[in-house]
PDB file of N, CA and C in Angstrom:
ATOM      1  N   UNK A   1       9.931  -5.471   1.186  1.00  0.00           N
ATOM      2  CA  UNK A   1       9.219  -6.434   0.706  1.00  0.00           C
ATOM      3  C   UNK A   1       7.936  -5.746   0.579  1.00  0.00           C
ATOM      4  N   UNK A   2       7.144  -6.081  -0.914  1.00  0.00           N
ATOM      5  CA  UNK A   2       6.037  -4.873  -0.733  1.00  0.00           C
ATOM      6  C   UNK A   2       4.783  -5.537  -0.574  1.00  0.00           C
ATOM      7  N   UNK A   3       3.478  -4.884   0.047  1.00  0.00           N
ATOM      8  CA  UNK A   3       2.371  -5.324   1.132  1.00  0.00           C
ATOM      9  C   UNK A   3       2.090  -6.806   0.274  1.00  0.00           C
ATOM     10  N   UNK A   4       1.787  -6.315  -1.055  1.00  0.00           N
ATOM     11  CA  UNK A   4       0.775  -7.576  -1.942  1.00  0.00           C
ATOM     12  C   UNK A   4       2.042  -9.009  -1.826  1.00  0.00           C
ATOM     13  N   UNK A   5       2.600  -9.191  -1.643  1.00  0.00           N
ATOM     14  CA  UNK A   5       3.660  -9.970  -1.379  1.00  0.00           C
ATOM     15  C   UNK A   5       3.725 -10.313  -0.320  1.00  0.00           C
ATOM     16  N   UNK A   6       3.786  -9.840   0.850  1.00  0.00           N
ATOM     17  CA  UNK A   6       3.683 -10.144   2.205  1.00  0.00           C
ATOM     18  C   UNK A   6       1.834 -10.879   2.509  1.00  0.00           C
ATOM     19  N   UNK A   7       1.100  -9.952   1.799  1.00  0.00           N
ATOM     20  CA  UNK A   7      -0.710 -10.502   1.789  1.00  0.00           C
ATOM     21  C   UNK A   7      -0.412 -12.224   1.163  1.00  0.00           C
ATOM     22  N   UNK A   8       0.480 -12.262  -0.078  1.00  0.00           N
ATOM     23  CA  UNK A   8       0.438 -13.574  -0.506  1.00  0.00           C
ATOM     24  C   UNK A   8       0.715 -15.052   0.080  1.00  0.00           C
ATOM     25  N   UNK A   9       1.710 -14.317   0.702  1.00  0.00           N
ATOM     26  CA  UNK A   9       2.553 -15.279   1.933  1.00  0.00           C
ATOM     27  C   UNK A   9       1.706 -16.061   2.365  1.00  0.00           C
ATOM     28  N   UNK A  10       1.020 -15.198   3.233  1.00  0.00           N
ATOM     29  CA  UNK A  10       0.046 -16.003   4.248  1.00  0.00           C
ATOM     30  C   UNK A  10      -1.027 -17.264   4.183  1.00  0.00           C
ATOM     31  N   UNK A  11      -1.394 -17.438   5.327  1.00  0.00           N
ATOM     32  CA  UNK A  11      -2.282 -18.955   5.082  1.00  0.00           C
ATOM     33  C   UNK A  11      -3.663 -18.608   5.254  1.00  0.00           C
ATOM     34  N   UNK A  12      -4.137 -19.679   4.477  1.00  0.00           N
ATOM     35  CA  UNK A  12      -5.668 -19.460   4.622  1.00  0.00           C
ATOM     36  C   UNK A  12      -5.998 -18.455   6.295  1.00  0.00           C
ATOM     37  N   UNK A  13      -5.167 -19.883   6.973  1.00  0.00           N
ATOM     38  CA  UNK A  13      -6.131 -19.653   8.379  1.00  0.00           C
ATOM     39  C   UNK A  13      -5.429 -18.193   8.873  1.00  0.00           C
ATOM     40  N   UNK A  14      -4.418 -17.479   8.466  1.00  0.00           N
ATOM     41  CA  UNK A  14      -4.100 -16.787   9.380  1.00  0.00           C
ATOM     42  C   UNK A  14      -5.250 -15.356   8.646  1.00  0.00           C
ATOM     43  N   UNK A  15      -5.223 -15.642   7.636  1.00  0.00           N
ATOM     44  CA  UNK A  15      -6.086 -14.133   6.534  1.00  0.00           C
ATOM     45  C   UNK A  15      -7.510 -14.571   7.746  1.00  0.00           C
ATOM     46  N   UNK A  16      -8.084 -15.541   7.523  1.00  0.00           N
ATOM     47  CA  UNK A  16      -9.067 -15.345   8.234  1.00  0.00           C
ATOM     48  C   UNK A  16      -8.989 -14.912   9.722  1.00  0.00           C
ATOM     49  N   UNK A  17      -7.786 -15.135  10.472  1.00  0.00           N
ATOM     50  CA  UNK A  17      -8.150 -14.562  11.652  1.00  0.00           C
ATOM     51  C   UNK A  17      -7.573 -13.326  11.438  1.00  0.00           C
ATOM     52  N   UNK A  18      -6.785 -12.428  10.391  1.00  0.00           N
ATOM     53  CA  UNK A  18      -6.376 -11.149  10.326  1.00  0.00           C
ATOM     54  C   UNK A  18      -7.681 -10.214  10.316  1.00  0.00           C
ATOM     55  N   UNK A  19      -9.004 -10.894   9.290  1.00  0.00           N
ATOM     56  CA  UNK A  19     -10.321 -10.863   8.927  1.00  0.00           C
ATOM     57  C   UNK A  19     -11.277 -10.639  10.832  1.00  0.00           C
ATOM     58  N   UNK A  20     -10.783 -11.762  11.251  1.00  0.00           N
ATOM     59  CA  UNK A  20     -11.537 -11.752  12.529  1.00  0.00           C
ATOM     60  C   UNK A  20     -11.268 -10.551  13.020  1.00  0.00           C
ATOM     61  N   UNK A  21      -9.996 -10.291  13.011  1.00  0.00           N
ATOM     62  CA  UNK A  21      -9.214  -9.350  13.838  1.00  0.00           C
ATOM     63  C   UNK A  21      -9.642  -8.099  13.859  1.00  0.00           C
ATOM     64  N   UNK A  22      -9.764  -7.392  12.496  1.00  0.00           N
ATOM     65  CA  UNK A  22     -10.386  -6.362  11.777  1.00  0.00           C
ATOM     66  C   UNK A  22     -11.604  -6.450  12.233  1.00  0.00           C
ATOM     67  N   UNK A  23     -12.638  -7.218  12.530  1.00  0.00           N
ATOM     68  CA  UNK A  23     -13.908  -6.860  13.178  1.00  0.00           C
ATOM     69  C   UNK A  23     -13.969  -6.586  13.951  1.00  0.00           C
ATOM     70  N   UNK A  24     -13.137  -6.975  14.833  1.00  0.00           N
ATOM     71  CA  UNK A  24     -13.269  -6.754  16.094  1.00  0.00           C
ATOM     72  C   UNK A  24     -12.932  -5.162  16.669  1.00  0.00           C
ATOM     73  N   UNK A  25     -13.974  -4.889  17.449  1.00  0.00           N
ATOM     74  CA  UNK A  25     -13.707  -3.313  17.630  1.00  0.00           C
ATOM     75  C   UNK A  25     -12.503  -3.108  18.463  1.00  0.00           C
ATOM     76  N   UNK A  26     -12.602  -4.121  19.367  1.00  0.00           N
ATOM     77  CA  UNK A  26     -11.753  -3.748  20.452  1.00  0.00           C
ATOM     78  C   UNK A  26      -9.911  -4.211  20.288  1.00  0.00           C
ATOM     79  N   UNK A  27      -9.950  -4.754  19.124  1.00  0.00           N
ATOM     80  CA  UNK A  27      -8.514  -5.374  18.301  1.00  0.00           C
ATOM     81  C   UNK A  27      -7.887  -3.880  17.591  1.00  0.00           C
ATOM     82  N   UNK A  28      -6.791  -3.455  17.994  1.00  0.00           N
ATOM     83  CA  UNK A  28      -6.264  -2.195  17.574  1.00  0.00           C
ATOM     84  C   UNK A  28      -5.698  -2.866  16.299  1.00  0.00           C
ATOM     85  N   UNK A  29      -5.271  -2.153  15.161  1.00  0.00           N
ATOM     86  CA  UNK A  29      -4.536  -2.734  13.794  1.00  0.00           C
ATOM     87  C   UNK A  29      -3.036  -2.774  14.436  1.00  0.00           C
ATOM     88  N   UNK A  30      -2.567  -2.462  15.833  1.00  0.00           N
ATOM     89  CA  UNK A  30      -1.122  -2.496  16.008  1.00  0.00           C
ATOM     90  C   UNK A  30      -0.904  -3.909  16.679  1.00  0.00           C
ATOM     91  N   UNK A  31      -2.368  -4.614  17.125  1.00  0.00           N
ATOM     92  CA  UNK A  31      -2.005  -6.162  17.416  1.00  0.00           C
ATOM     93  C   UNK A  31      -1.878  -6.815  16.309  1.00  0.00           C
ATOM     94  N   UNK A  32      -2.733  -6.219  14.694  1.00  0.00           N
ATOM     95  CA  UNK A  32      -2.108  -6.825  13.683  1.00  0.00           C
ATOM     96  C   UNK A  32      -0.516  -6.716  13.195  1.00  0.00           C
ATOM     97  N   UNK A  33      -0.677  -5.345  13.203  1.00  0.00           N
ATOM     98  CA  UNK A  33       0.737  -5.317  12.958  1.00  0.00           C
ATOM     99  C   UNK A  33       1.784  -6.276  13.695  1.00  0.00           C
ATOM    100  N   UNK A  34       1.805  -6.425  14.924  1.00  0.00           N
ATOM    101  CA  UNK A  34       2.680  -7.051  15.697  1.00  0.00           C
ATOM    102  C   UNK A  34       2.613  -8.631  15.824  1.00  0.00           C
ATOM    103  N   UNK A  35       1.106  -9.037  14.960  1.00  0.00           N
ATOM    104  CA  UNK A  35       1.347 -10.528  15.705  1.00  0.00           C
ATOM    105  C   UNK A  35       1.241 -10.774  13.624  1.00  0.00           C
ATOM    106  N   UNK A  36       1.088 -10.340  13.189  1.00  0.00           N
ATOM    107  CA  UNK A  36       1.696 -11.114  12.001  1.00  0.00           C
ATOM    108  C   UNK A  36       2.096  -9.852  10.743  1.00  0.00           C
ATOM    109  N   UNK A  37       2.462  -8.752  11.045  1.00  0.00           N
ATOM    110  CA  UNK A  37       3.453  -8.273  10.364  1.00  0.00           C
ATOM    111  C   UNK A  37       3.015  -7.109   9.450  1.00  0.00           C
ATOM    112  N   UNK A  38       1.307  -6.699   9.356  1.00  0.00           N
ATOM    113  CA  UNK A  38       0.988  -5.935   8.377  1.00  0.00           C
ATOM    114  C   UNK A  38       0.189  -5.240   8.951  1.00  0.00           C
ATOM    115  N   UNK A  39       0.799  -3.374   8.148  1.00  0.00           N
ATOM    116  CA  UNK A  39       0.378  -2.220   9.022  1.00  0.00           C
ATOM    117  C   UNK A  39      -0.936  -1.869   8.203  1.00  0.00           C
ATOM    118  N   UNK A  40      -1.809  -1.130   9.118  1.00  0.00           N
ATOM    119  CA  UNK A  40      -3.355  -0.741   8.305  1.00  0.00           C
ATOM    120  C   UNK A  40      -3.689  -0.809   7.609  1.00  0.00           C
ATOM    121  N   UNK A  41      -2.416  -0.235   6.379  1.00  0.00           N
ATOM    122  CA  UNK A  41      -3.070  -0.046   4.938  1.00  0.00           C
ATOM    123  C   UNK A  41      -3.160  -1.274   4.175  1.00  0.00           C
ATOM    124  N   UNK A  42      -2.096  -2.721   4.960  1.00  0.00           N
ATOM    125  CA  UNK A  42      -1.905  -3.512   4.371  1.00  0.00           C
ATOM    126  C   UNK A  42      -3.158  -4.416   4.327  1.00  0.00           C
ATOM    127  N   UNK A  43      -3.642  -4.482   5.653  1.00  0.00           N
ATOM    128  CA  UNK A  43      -5.113  -5.095   6.398  1.00  0.00           C
ATOM    129  C   UNK A  43      -6.417  -4.701   5.181  1.00  0.00           C
ATOM    130  N   UNK A  44      -6.215  -2.962   5.105  1.00  0.00           N
ATOM    131  CA  UNK A  44      -7.550  -2.815   4.563  1.00  0.00           C
ATOM    132  C   UNK A  44      -7.107  -3.305   2.526  1.00  0.00           C
ATOM    133  N   UNK A  45      -6.103  -3.319   2.547  1.00  0.00           N
ATOM    134  CA  UNK A  45      -5.586  -4.086   1.616  1.00  0.00           C
ATOM    135  C   UNK A  45      -6.049  -5.708   1.368  1.00  0.00           C
ATOM    136  N   UNK A  46      -5.834  -6.347   2.214  1.00  0.00           N
ATOM    137  CA  UNK A  46      -6.355  -7.349   2.523  1.00  0.00           C
ATOM    138  C   UNK A  46      -7.865  -7.694   2.753  1.00  0.00           C
ATOM    139  N   UNK A  47      -8.336  -6.854   3.189  1.00  0.00           N
ATOM    140  CA  UNK A  47      -9.683  -6.890   3.765  1.00  0.00           C
ATOM    141  C   UNK A  47     -10.357  -6.629   2.003  1.00  0.00           C
ATOM    142  N   UNK A  48     -10.205  -5.529   1.560  1.00  0.00           N
ATOM    143  CA  UNK A  48     -11.075  -5.077   0.052  1.00  0.00           C
ATOM    144  C   UNK A  48     -10.514  -6.588  -1.064  1.00  0.00           C
ATOM    145  N   UNK A  49      -9.663  -6.898  -0.610  1.00  0.00           N
ATOM    146  CA  UNK A  49      -9.550  -8.178  -1.635  1.00  0.00           C
ATOM    147  C   UNK A  49     -10.165  -9.789  -1.350  1.00  0.00           C
ATOM    148  N   UNK A  50     -10.501  -9.790   0.299  1.00  0.00           N
ATOM    149  CA  UNK A  50     -10.958 -10.592   1.186  1.00  0.00           C
ATOM    150  C   UNK A  50     -12.294 -10.957   1.147  1.00  0.00           C
ATOM    151  N   UNK A  51     -12.964  -9.837   1.342  1.00  0.00           N
ATOM    152  CA  UNK A  51     -14.483  -9.854   1.685  1.00  0.00           C
ATOM    153  C   UNK A  51     -15.246  -9.357   0.140  1.00  0.00           C
ATOM    154  N   UNK A  52     -16.605  -9.603   0.461  1.00  0.00           N
ATOM    155  CA  UNK A  52     -17.478  -8.691  -0.409  1.00  0.00           C
ATOM    156  C   UNK A  52     -17.008  -7.362  -0.497  1.00  0.00           C
ATOM    157  N   UNK A  53     -17.407  -6.760  -1.922  1.00  0.00           N
ATOM    158  CA  UNK A  53     -17.282  -5.314  -1.789  1.00  0.00           C
ATOM    159  C   UNK A  53     -18.708  -5.038  -0.955  1.00  0.00           C
ATOM    160  N   UNK A  54     -19.728  -5.114  -0.402  1.00  0.00           N
ATOM    161  CA  UNK A  54     -20.719  -4.372   0.498  1.00  0.00           C
ATOM    162  C   UNK A  54     -20.369  -4.462   1.945  1.00  0.00           C
ATOM    163  N   UNK A  55     -19.407  -5.677   2.198  1.00  0.00           N
ATOM    164  CA  UNK A  55     -19.129  -5.660   3.401  1.00  0.00           C
ATOM    165  C   UNK A  55     -17.918  -5.324   3.409  1.00  0.00           C
ATOM    166  N   UNK A  56     -17.071  -5.038   2.324  1.00  0.00           N
ATOM    167  CA  UNK A  56     -15.782  -4.280   3.035  1.00  0.00           C
ATOM    168  C   UNK A  56     -16.069  -2.819   3.037  1.00  0.00           C
ATOM    169  N   UNK A  57     -17.197  -2.041   2.599  1.00  0.00           N
ATOM    170  CA  UNK A  57     -17.660  -0.478   2.545  1.00  0.00           C
ATOM    171  C   UNK A  57     -18.243  -0.267   4.118  1.00  0.00           C
ATOM    172  N   UNK A  58     -19.314  -1.633   4.306  1.00  0.00           N
ATOM    173  CA  UNK A  58     -19.353  -1.934   6.035  1.00  0.00           C
ATOM    174  C   UNK A  58     -18.402  -1.757   6.834  1.00  0.00           C
ATOM    175  N   UNK A  59     -17.408  -2.239   6.548  1.00  0.00           N
ATOM    176  CA  UNK A  59     -16.110  -2.651   7.504  1.00  0.00           C
ATOM    177  C   UNK A  59     -15.397  -0.942   7.719  1.00  0.00           C
ATOM    178  N   UNK A  60     -15.235  -0.692   6.339  1.00  0.00           N
ATOM    179  CA  UNK A  60     -14.887   0.444   6.617  1.00  0.00           C
ATOM    180  C   UNK A  60     -15.402   1.797   6.921  1.00  0.00           C
ATOM    181  N   UNK A  61     -16.249   1.990   6.671  1.00  0.00           N
ATOM    182  CA  UNK A  61     -17.109   3.112   7.587  1.00  0.00           C
ATOM    183  C   UNK A  61     -17.256   2.853   8.964  1.00  0.00           C
ATOM    184  N   UNK A  62     -17.100   1.502   9.358  1.00  0.00           N
ATOM    185  CA  UNK A  62     -17.186   1.026  10.549  1.00  0.00           C
ATOM    186  C   UNK A  62     -15.626   1.573  11.677  1.00  0.00           C
ATOM    187  N   UNK A  63     -14.858   1.219  10.869  1.00  0.00           N
ATOM    188  CA  UNK A  63     -13.187   1.531  11.872  1.00  0.00           C
ATOM    189  C   UNK A  63     -12.969   3.074  10.814  1.00  0.00           C
ATOM    190  N   UNK A  64     -13.117   3.540  10.063  1.00  0.00           N
ATOM    191  CA  UNK A  64     -12.656   5.037   9.711  1.00  0.00           C
ATOM    192  C   UNK A  64     -12.970   5.690  11.113  1.00  0.00           C
ATOM    193  N   UNK A  65     -11.888   6.113  11.402  1.00  0.00           N
ATOM    194  CA  UNK A  65     -11.627   7.143  12.412  1.00  0.00           C
ATOM    195  C   UNK A  65     -12.165   6.702  13.739  1.00  0.00           C
ATOM    196  N   UNK A  66     -12.077   5.192  14.137  1.00  0.00           N
ATOM    197  CA  UNK A  66     -12.452   4.657  15.344  1.00  0.00           C
ATOM    198  C   UNK A  66     -11.621   4.693  16.022  1.00  0.00           C
ATOM    199  N   UNK A  67     -11.248   5.313  17.292  1.00  0.00           N
ATOM    200  CA  UNK A  67     -10.439   4.889  18.256  1.00  0.00           C
ATOM    201  C   UNK A  67      -9.777   3.865  18.994  1.00  0.00           C
ATOM    202  N   UNK A  68     -10.365   2.968  19.257  1.00  0.00           N
ATOM    203  CA  UNK A  68     -10.308   1.119  19.249  1.00  0.00           C
ATOM    204  C   UNK A  68      -9.419   1.162  18.622  1.00  0.00           C
ATOM    205  N   UNK A  69      -9.262   1.225  17.462  1.00  0.00           N
ATOM    206  CA  UNK A  69      -8.777   0.596  16.702  1.00  0.00           C
ATOM    207  C   UNK A  69      -7.305   1.102  16.227  1.00  0.00           C
ATOM    208  N   UNK A  70      -6.772   2.340  17.170  1.00  0.00           N
ATOM    209  CA  UNK A  70      -5.696   2.913  16.929  1.00  0.00           C
ATOM    210  C   UNK A  70      -5.286   3.187  18.595  1.00  0.00           C
ATOM    211  N   UNK A  71      -4.038   2.127  19.028  1.00  0.00           N
ATOM    212  CA  UNK A  71      -3.608   2.313  20.467  1.00  0.00           C
ATOM    213  C   UNK A  71      -3.679   3.346  21.080  1.00  0.00           C
ATOM    214  N   UNK A  72      -3.182   4.043  20.088  1.00  0.00           N
ATOM    215  CA  UNK A  72      -2.686   5.477  20.779  1.00  0.00           C
ATOM    216  C   UNK A  72      -4.140   6.752  21.168  1.00  0.00           C
ATOM    217  N   UNK A  73      -5.018   6.191  20.445  1.00  0.00           N
ATOM    218  CA  UNK A  73      -5.882   7.248  20.382  1.00  0.00           C
ATOM    219  C   UNK A  73      -7.045   6.439  21.019  1.00  0.00           C
ATOM    220  N   UNK A  74      -6.826   4.896  21.617  1.00  0.00           N
ATOM    221  CA  UNK A  74      -7.693   4.698  22.417  1.00  0.00           C
ATOM    222  C   UNK A  74      -7.693   4.890  24.018  1.00  0.00           C
ATOM    223  N   UNK A  75      -8.788   4.786  24.555  1.00  0.00           N
ATOM    224  CA  UNK A  75      -9.331   5.485  26.495  1.00  0.00           C
ATOM    225  C   UNK A  75      -9.037   3.711  27.102  1.00  0.00           C
ATOM    226  N   UNK A  76      -9.312   2.673  26.318  1.00  0.00           N
ATOM    227  CA  UNK A  76      -9.521   1.808  27.116  1.00  0.00           C
ATOM    228  C   UNK A  76      -7.793   1.354  27.294  1.00  0.00           C
ATOM    229  N   UNK A  77      -7.676   0.857  28.699  1.00  0.00           N
ATOM    230  CA  UNK A  77      -6.468   0.361  29.209  1.00  0.00           C
ATOM    231  C   UNK A  77      -5.955  -1.107  28.671  1.00  0.00           C
ATOM    232  N   UNK A  78      -5.241  -1.538  29.273  1.00  0.00           N
ATOM    233  CA  UNK A  78      -5.045  -2.975  29.063  1.00  0.00           C
ATOM    234  C   UNK A  78      -5.713  -4.457  30.555  1.00  0.00           C
ATOM    235  N   UNK A  79      -6.188  -3.459  31.392  1.00  0.00           N
ATOM    236  CA  UNK A  79      -7.048  -4.131  31.908  1.00  0.00           C
ATOM    237  C   UNK A  79      -8.206  -4.503  32.181  1.00  0.00           C
ATOM    238  N   UNK A  80      -8.223  -4.727  31.003  1.00  0.00           N
ATOM    239  CA  UNK A  80     -10.032  -5.494  30.559  1.00  0.00           C
ATOM    240  C   UNK A  80     -10.282  -6.766  30.724  1.00  0.00           C
ATOM    241  N   UNK A  81     -11.557  -7.371  30.635  1.00  0.00           N
ATOM    242  CA  UNK A  81     -11.791  -8.485  30.869  1.00  0.00           C
ATOM    243  C   UNK A  81     -11.536  -9.405  30.071  1.00  0.00           C
ATOM    244  N   UNK A  82     -10.855 -11.126  30.211  1.00  0.00           N
ATOM    245  CA  UNK A  82     -10.170 -11.253  29.472  1.00  0.00           C
ATOM    246  C   UNK A  82     -10.514 -12.764  29.926  1.00  0.00           C
ATOM    247  N   UNK A  83     -11.116 -13.618  29.077  1.00  0.00           N
ATOM    248  CA  UNK A  83     -11.919 -14.872  29.363  1.00  0.00           C
ATOM    249  C   UNK A  83     -11.057 -15.811  29.516  1.00  0.00           C
ATOM    250  N   UNK A  84     -10.824 -16.434  30.145  1.00  0.00           N
ATOM    251  CA  UNK A  84     -10.781 -18.361  30.551  1.00  0.00           C
ATOM    252  C   UNK A  84     -10.142 -18.789  29.479  1.00  0.00           C
ATOM    253  N   UNK A  85     -11.408 -18.930  28.511  1.00  0.00           N
ATOM    254  CA  UNK A  85     -11.241 -19.720  27.293  1.00  0.00           C
ATOM    255  C   UNK A  85     -10.255 -19.132  26.046  1.00  0.00           C
ATOM    256  N   UNK A  86     -10.083 -17.972  26.449  1.00  0.00           N
ATOM    257  CA  UNK A  86      -8.857 -17.403  25.532  1.00  0.00           C
ATOM    258  C   UNK A  86      -7.193 -17.553  25.546  1.00  0.00           C
ATOM    259  N   UNK A  87      -6.942 -18.194  24.734  1.00  0.00           N
ATOM    260  CA  UNK A  87      -5.862 -19.085  24.328  1.00  0.00           C
ATOM    261  C   UNK A  87      -4.479 -18.018  24.415  1.00  0.00           C
ATOM    262  N   UNK A  88      -3.074 -18.276  24.963  1.00  0.00           N
ATOM    263  CA  UNK A  88      -2.011 -17.189  25.326  1.00  0.00           C
ATOM    264  C   UNK A  88      -1.438 -17.562  23.548  1.00  0.00           C
ATOM    265  N   UNK A  89      -1.539 -16.502  22.912  1.00  0.00           N
ATOM    266  CA  UNK A  89      -0.881 -16.624  21.527  1.00  0.00           C
ATOM    267  C   UNK A  89       0.435 -16.156  21.956  1.00  0.00           C
ATOM    268  N   UNK A  90       1.361 -16.895  20.818  1.00  0.00           N
ATOM    269  CA  UNK A  90       3.325 -16.427  20.768  1.00  0.00           C
ATOM    270  C   UNK A  90       3.503 -16.703  19.583  1.00  0.00           C
ATOM    271  N   UNK A  91       3.616 -15.681  19.256  1.00  0.00           N
ATOM    272  CA  UNK A  91       4.482 -15.479  17.783  1.00  0.00           C
ATOM    273  C   UNK A  91       3.778 -16.341  17.018  1.00  0.00           C
ATOM    274  N   UNK A  92       1.903 -15.680  16.766  1.00  0.00           N
ATOM    275  CA  UNK A  92       1.069 -16.576  16.138  1.00  0.00           C
ATOM    276  C   UNK A  92       1.165 -17.980  15.852  1.00  0.00           C
ATOM    277  N   UNK A  93       1.472 -18.312  17.123  1.00  0.00           N
ATOM    278  CA  UNK A  93       0.879 -19.855  17.104  1.00  0.00           C
ATOM    279  C   UNK A  93       0.222 -20.105  18.562  1.00  0.00           C
ATOM    280  N   UNK A  94      -1.040 -20.584  18.392  1.00  0.00           N
ATOM    281  CA  UNK A  94      -1.740 -21.002  19.549  1.00  0.00           C
ATOM    282  C   UNK A  94      -1.148 -22.105  20.144  1.00  0.00           C
ATOM    283  N   UNK A  95      -0.992 -21.831  21.350  1.00  0.00           N
ATOM    284  CA  UNK A  95      -0.349 -23.046  22.296  1.00  0.00           C
ATOM    285  C   UNK A  95      -1.515 -23.522  23.228  1.00  0.00           C
ATOM    286  N   UNK A  96      -1.035 -24.826  22.712  1.00  0.00           N
ATOM    287  CA  UNK A  96      -1.795 -25.737  23.643  1.00  0.00           C
ATOM    288  C   UNK A  96      -3.209 -26.260  22.973  1.00  0.00           C
ATOM    289  N   UNK A  97      -3.436 -26.259  21.415  1.00  0.00           N
ATOM    290  CA  UNK A  97      -4.691 -25.992  20.918  1.00  0.00           C
ATOM    291  C   UNK A  97      -5.116 -27.048  21.510  1.00  0.00           C
TER     292      UNK A  97
END
């Protein structure tokens, strides 16, 4: 399946969530791939298509080489603080909305 068809098959709410996750400093690309099936390159394509050009350039400069966006390079462990307000996410569906 081509990356453009993967992106085209996403719901608007999924695209919004991917953009939100991509902007978050501590959310690695691997988490986006596990939840939505999009590789880092596909996320870059989606971001370029969905956000304004100036915002895309700012985002790209921000994540380029950022170690926290790659699980293998990140020094952050899984024992970070997790808010009680955060819902459990299973197979891309938020439980008990």
